[in-house]
Amino acid sequence: MIRSARSLAEADERLGAVRSDAHLAAEVVAEPQAAEWETTNVHMVARALTRAAWLREETRGGHYRTDFPRPDDAWRRRVRVRLDGDGVLTVA
């Protein structure tokens, strides 16, 4: 996988444009089914992975960053991604 800050920003912008609150719309007449919840979960995982990859400014393993082409031992740590109580994605 080849990526850069620019491509990750574009991916994050596109993922951010995907509506993930349709189940809250007033016109919804049925409860979401398993497929809808799964789609929402896959979308959120894609967003989390994109944000984590954007934060990690190095190349490691099969994930190549054109703007950071070498591994950096400072990144030998975990990137933590979570949803806060309001459903906002945080990366640390």
C-alpha atoms as a PDB file:
ATOM      1  CA  MET A   1       0.000   0.000   0.000  1.00  0.00           C
ATOM      2  CA  ILE A   2       1.486   3.333  -1.061  1.00  0.00           C
ATOM      3  CA  ARG A   3       0.229   6.408   0.736  1.00  0.00           C
ATOM      4  CA  SER A   4       1.078  10.000   1.588  1.00  0.00           C
ATOM      5  CA  ALA A   5      -0.343  12.737   3.774  1.00  0.00           C
ATOM      6  CA  ARG A   6      -2.228  14.006   0.729  1.00  0.00           C
ATOM      7  CA  SER A   7      -3.772  10.649  -0.206  1.00  0.00           C
ATOM      8  CA  LEU A   8      -4.696   9.934   3.421  1.00  0.00           C
ATOM      9  CA  ALA A   9      -6.296  13.376   3.769  1.00  0.00           C
ATOM     10  CA  GLU A  10      -8.303  12.725   0.608  1.00  0.00           C
ATOM     11  CA  ALA A  11      -9.395   9.308   1.868  1.00  0.00           C
ATOM     12  CA  ASP A  12     -10.400  10.803   5.218  1.00  0.00           C
ATOM     13  CA  GLU A  13     -12.369  13.557   3.478  1.00  0.00           C
ATOM     14  CA  ARG A  14     -14.212  11.028   1.308  1.00  0.00           C
ATOM     15  CA  LEU A  15     -14.960   8.790   4.283  1.00  0.00           C
ATOM     16  CA  GLY A  16     -16.136  11.839   6.219  1.00  0.00           C
ATOM     17  CA  ALA A  17     -18.640  12.598   3.464  1.00  0.00           C
ATOM     18  CA  VAL A  18     -20.328   9.231   3.916  1.00  0.00           C
ATOM     19  CA  ARG A  19     -23.430   9.654   6.025  1.00  0.00           C
ATOM     20  CA  SER A  20     -23.315   7.457   9.102  1.00  0.00           C
ATOM     21  CA  ASP A  21     -26.320   8.820  10.982  1.00  0.00           C
ATOM     22  CA  ALA A  22     -29.105   7.734   8.640  1.00  0.00           C
ATOM     23  CA  HIS A  23     -30.645   5.673  11.430  1.00  0.00           C
ATOM     24  CA  LEU A  24     -31.420   8.967  13.237  1.00  0.00           C
ATOM     25  CA  ALA A  25     -33.381  10.506  10.357  1.00  0.00           C
ATOM     26  CA  ALA A  26     -37.063  11.244  11.039  1.00  0.00           C
ATOM     27  CA  GLU A  27     -38.182   9.393   7.897  1.00  0.00           C
ATOM     28  CA  VAL A  28     -36.723   6.052   9.062  1.00  0.00           C
ATOM     29  CA  VAL A  29     -39.623   3.628   9.439  1.00  0.00           C
ATOM     30  CA  ALA A  30     -37.742   0.492  10.489  1.00  0.00           C
ATOM     31  CA  GLU A  31     -34.993  -0.322  12.930  1.00  0.00           C
ATOM     32  CA  PRO A  32     -31.569  -0.864  11.344  1.00  0.00           C
ATOM     33  CA  GLN A  33     -30.819  -4.487  10.525  1.00  0.00           C
ATOM     34  CA  ALA A  34     -27.534  -6.365  10.921  1.00  0.00           C
ATOM     35  CA  ALA A  35     -26.299  -5.340   7.453  1.00  0.00           C
ATOM     36  CA  GLU A  36     -26.753  -1.647   8.232  1.00  0.00           C
ATOM     37  CA  TRP A  37     -24.886  -1.948  11.539  1.00  0.00           C
ATOM     38  CA  GLU A  38     -22.119  -3.932   9.838  1.00  0.00           C
ATOM     39  CA  THR A  39     -21.773  -1.284   7.142  1.00  0.00           C
ATOM     40  CA  THR A  40     -21.538   1.419   9.803  1.00  0.00           C
ATOM     41  CA  ASN A  41     -18.911  -0.581  11.681  1.00  0.00           C
ATOM     42  CA  VAL A  42     -16.820  -1.187   8.541  1.00  0.00           C
ATOM     43  CA  HIS A  43     -17.025   2.522   7.723  1.00  0.00           C
ATOM     44  CA  MET A  44     -15.848   3.469  11.217  1.00  0.00           C
ATOM     45  CA  VAL A  45     -12.943   0.988  11.063  1.00  0.00           C
ATOM     46  CA  ALA A  46     -11.902   2.399   7.671  1.00  0.00           C
ATOM     47  CA  ARG A  47     -11.936   5.898   9.136  1.00  0.00           C
ATOM     48  CA  ALA A  48      -9.944   4.800  12.196  1.00  0.00           C
ATOM     49  CA  LEU A  49      -7.302   3.050  10.087  1.00  0.00           C
ATOM     50  CA  THR A  50      -6.995   6.059   7.789  1.00  0.00           C
ATOM     51  CA  ARG A  51      -6.517   8.436  10.720  1.00  0.00           C
ATOM     52  CA  ALA A  52      -3.940   6.152  12.373  1.00  0.00           C
ATOM     53  CA  ALA A  53      -2.014   5.806   9.097  1.00  0.00           C
ATOM     54  CA  TRP A  54      -2.108   9.576   8.638  1.00  0.00           C
ATOM     55  CA  LEU A  55      -0.657  10.154  12.096  1.00  0.00           C
ATOM     56  CA  ARG A  56       2.148   7.577  11.677  1.00  0.00           C
ATOM     57  CA  GLU A  57       4.791   9.456   9.705  1.00  0.00           C
ATOM     58  CA  GLU A  58       7.036   6.586   8.621  1.00  0.00           C
ATOM     59  CA  THR A  59       7.245   3.590   6.342  1.00  0.00           C
ATOM     60  CA  ARG A  60       6.967   0.226   8.075  1.00  0.00           C
ATOM     61  CA  GLY A  61       6.394  -3.206   6.644  1.00  0.00           C
ATOM     62  CA  GLY A  62       4.061  -3.194   3.682  1.00  0.00           C
ATOM     63  CA  HIS A  63       2.788   0.315   4.357  1.00  0.00           C
ATOM     64  CA  TYR A  64       4.886   2.768   2.370  1.00  0.00           C
ATOM     65  CA  ARG A  65       4.644   6.539   2.850  1.00  0.00           C
ATOM     66  CA  THR A  66       6.053   8.490  -0.085  1.00  0.00           C
ATOM     67  CA  ASP A  67       6.532  11.515   2.181  1.00  0.00           C
ATOM     68  CA  PHE A  68       8.252   9.433   4.917  1.00  0.00           C
ATOM     69  CA  PRO A  69      10.057   6.626   3.045  1.00  0.00           C
ATOM     70  CA  ARG A  70      12.087   5.222   5.956  1.00  0.00           C
ATOM     71  CA  PRO A  71      11.173   3.461   9.207  1.00  0.00           C
ATOM     72  CA  ASP A  72      11.591   5.595  12.314  1.00  0.00           C
ATOM     73  CA  ASP A  73      12.228   3.823  15.622  1.00  0.00           C
ATOM     74  CA  ALA A  74      10.384   6.653  17.396  1.00  0.00           C
ATOM     75  CA  TRP A  75       7.233   5.040  15.942  1.00  0.00           C
ATOM     76  CA  ARG A  76       7.871   1.672  17.623  1.00  0.00           C
ATOM     77  CA  ARG A  77       4.749   2.224  19.691  1.00  0.00           C
ATOM     78  CA  ARG A  78       1.018   1.867  19.378  1.00  0.00           C
ATOM     79  CA  VAL A  79      -1.379   4.376  17.903  1.00  0.00           C
ATOM     80  CA  ARG A  80      -4.601   4.425  19.901  1.00  0.00           C
ATOM     81  CA  VAL A  81      -7.856   5.197  18.093  1.00  0.00           C
ATOM     82  CA  ARG A  82     -11.140   5.437  19.979  1.00  0.00           C
ATOM     83  CA  LEU A  83     -14.575   6.985  19.949  1.00  0.00           C
ATOM     84  CA  ASP A  84     -15.261   9.435  22.732  1.00  0.00           C
ATOM     85  CA  GLY A  85     -18.615   9.630  24.510  1.00  0.00           C
ATOM     86  CA  ASP A  86     -20.021  11.848  21.730  1.00  0.00           C
ATOM     87  CA  GLY A  87     -18.970   9.441  18.986  1.00  0.00           C
ATOM     88  CA  VAL A  88     -16.020  11.598  17.887  1.00  0.00           C
ATOM     89  CA  LEU A  89     -12.957   9.685  16.658  1.00  0.00           C
ATOM     90  CA  THR A  90      -9.765  10.502  18.591  1.00  0.00           C
ATOM     91  CA  VAL A  91      -6.268   9.360  17.664  1.00  0.00           C
ATOM     92  CA  ALA A  92      -3.272   9.414  20.038  1.00  0.00           C
END
